[in-house]
Amino acid sequence: MQDNDTTCILIPAASLVSDSWKYIDLLLRSMEDGDFLGKIEVNIAFDGCSEEFIDKVYDKFPWVRFDKRLINLGRPRNYCGNVNMGLRILHGLENKSVIVINQGTVLPR
């Protein structure tokens, strides 16, 4: 990896499942509890999520990077389409190395 590259995390999220908030909340709290903040940029690709769901994430976790290009309020893509959109933006346009983490993941301390 070159010195000018930035590594970031991409979390593909959809609020179509009833437990979506629980999962994203657990993941982001595990990042707060770990040693991640300030060391790696966290991005969420929202797919078919309500504006209330998105606002709730940014209100509770203001350290998550806001990028309107990663928000799809229209017809939901599938999981792969959401990941690919995020990768095109973060890696393709911004030249960042990207780690994809599923919204149901909880990171160890």
Protein backbone atom coordinates (compact mmCIF):
# COMPACT_ATOMS: atom_id res chain seq x y z
CA MET A 1 0.00 0.00 0.00
CA GLN A 2 1.33 3.43 -0.89
CA ASP A 3 1.74 6.16 1.72
CA ASN A 4 -0.96 8.34 0.13
CA ASP A 5 -3.59 5.59 0.31
CA THR A 6 -6.24 5.76 2.97
CA THR A 7 -7.73 2.59 4.35
CA CYS A 8 -11.38 2.76 5.26
CA ILE A 9 -14.20 0.50 6.35
CA LEU A 10 -17.33 0.12 4.25
CA ILE A 11 -20.46 -1.20 5.96
CA PRO A 12 -23.28 -2.08 3.57
CA ALA A 13 -26.53 -1.46 5.49
CA ALA A 14 -30.18 -2.03 4.74
CA SER A 15 -33.06 -1.33 7.09
CA LEU A 16 -35.29 -3.90 5.41
CA VAL A 17 -34.82 -6.40 8.24
CA SER A 18 -36.54 -5.68 11.55
CA ASP A 19 -33.30 -6.10 13.53
CA SER A 20 -31.24 -3.79 11.30
CA TRP A 21 -30.87 -1.07 13.93
CA LYS A 22 -29.81 -3.61 16.55
CA TYR A 23 -27.10 -4.98 14.24
CA ILE A 24 -25.67 -1.65 13.09
CA ASP A 25 -25.78 -0.31 16.66
CA LEU A 26 -23.85 -3.33 18.00
CA LEU A 27 -21.24 -3.06 15.23
CA LEU A 28 -20.66 0.67 15.67
CA ARG A 29 -20.55 0.39 19.47
CA SER A 30 -17.98 -2.41 19.12
CA MET A 31 -15.89 0.01 17.06
CA GLU A 32 -16.19 2.64 19.79
CA ASP A 33 -15.18 0.08 22.42
CA GLY A 34 -12.22 -1.08 20.37
CA ASP A 35 -9.22 0.85 19.18
CA PHE A 36 -10.62 1.98 15.82
CA LEU A 37 -11.76 5.58 16.19
CA GLY A 38 -9.45 8.12 14.66
CA LYS A 39 -7.35 5.41 13.05
CA ILE A 40 -9.63 4.34 10.23
CA GLU A 41 -12.43 6.05 8.36
CA VAL A 42 -15.85 4.41 8.68
CA ASN A 43 -18.36 4.69 5.82
CA ILE A 44 -21.85 3.21 5.56
CA ALA A 45 -23.51 2.47 2.24
CA PHE A 46 -27.22 2.80 3.02
CA ASP A 47 -29.45 0.83 0.66
CA GLY A 48 -33.20 1.37 0.75
CA CYS A 49 -32.98 2.72 4.30
CA SER A 50 -35.45 5.24 5.64
CA GLU A 51 -34.29 8.78 6.31
CA GLU A 52 -35.12 8.20 9.99
CA PHE A 53 -32.79 5.17 10.10
CA ILE A 54 -29.97 7.14 8.46
CA ASP A 55 -30.46 10.16 10.76
CA LYS A 56 -30.46 7.87 13.79
CA VAL A 57 -27.08 6.42 12.78
CA TYR A 58 -25.45 9.82 12.23
CA ASP A 59 -27.00 11.27 15.41
CA LYS A 60 -25.73 8.45 17.62
CA PHE A 61 -22.40 7.94 15.83
CA PRO A 62 -21.23 11.35 14.53
CA TRP A 63 -17.77 9.94 13.78
CA VAL A 64 -19.19 7.91 10.86
CA ARG A 65 -18.23 9.74 7.66
CA PHE A 66 -21.19 11.24 5.85
CA ASP A 67 -21.17 10.90 2.07
CA LYS A 68 -24.46 11.43 0.25
CA ARG A 69 -23.18 9.34 -2.66
CA LEU A 70 -23.40 6.30 -0.35
CA ILE A 71 -27.12 6.79 0.35
CA ASN A 72 -29.73 5.09 -1.83
CA LEU A 73 -33.24 6.09 -0.75
CA GLY A 74 -34.78 4.67 -3.92
CA ARG A 75 -35.45 1.14 -5.00
CA PRO A 76 -33.19 -1.16 -2.97
CA ARG A 77 -30.24 -2.85 -4.63
CA ASN A 78 -29.19 -6.28 -3.52
CA TYR A 79 -26.31 -6.75 -1.07
CA CYS A 80 -23.71 -7.14 -3.84
CA GLY A 81 -24.99 -4.08 -5.68
CA ASN A 82 -24.69 -2.03 -2.50
CA VAL A 83 -21.14 -3.25 -1.84
CA ASN A 84 -20.12 -2.61 -5.45
CA MET A 85 -21.53 0.94 -5.34
CA GLY A 86 -19.54 1.66 -2.17
CA LEU A 87 -16.37 0.17 -3.62
CA ARG A 88 -16.71 2.20 -6.83
CA ILE A 89 -17.00 5.40 -4.81
CA LEU A 90 -14.38 4.77 -2.13
CA HIS A 91 -11.80 2.78 -4.08
CA GLY A 92 -12.49 3.78 -7.64
CA LEU A 93 -13.05 7.51 -7.21
CA GLU A 94 -11.15 8.27 -4.01
CA ASN A 95 -8.28 5.73 -4.31
CA LYS A 96 -8.85 4.26 -0.87
CA SER A 97 -8.15 0.73 0.25
CA VAL A 98 -11.45 -0.66 1.53
CA ILE A 99 -12.34 -3.27 4.13
CA VAL A 100 -15.96 -4.44 3.83
CA ILE A 101 -17.67 -5.44 7.08
CA ASN A 102 -21.20 -6.83 7.19
CA GLN A 103 -23.66 -4.87 9.36
CA GLY A 104 -24.23 -7.97 11.52
CA THR A 105 -20.59 -8.14 12.61
CA VAL A 106 -19.34 -7.30 16.11
CA LEU A 107 -15.62 -6.57 16.29
CA PRO A 108 -13.53 -7.96 19.15
CA ARG A 109 -11.79 -5.61 21.55
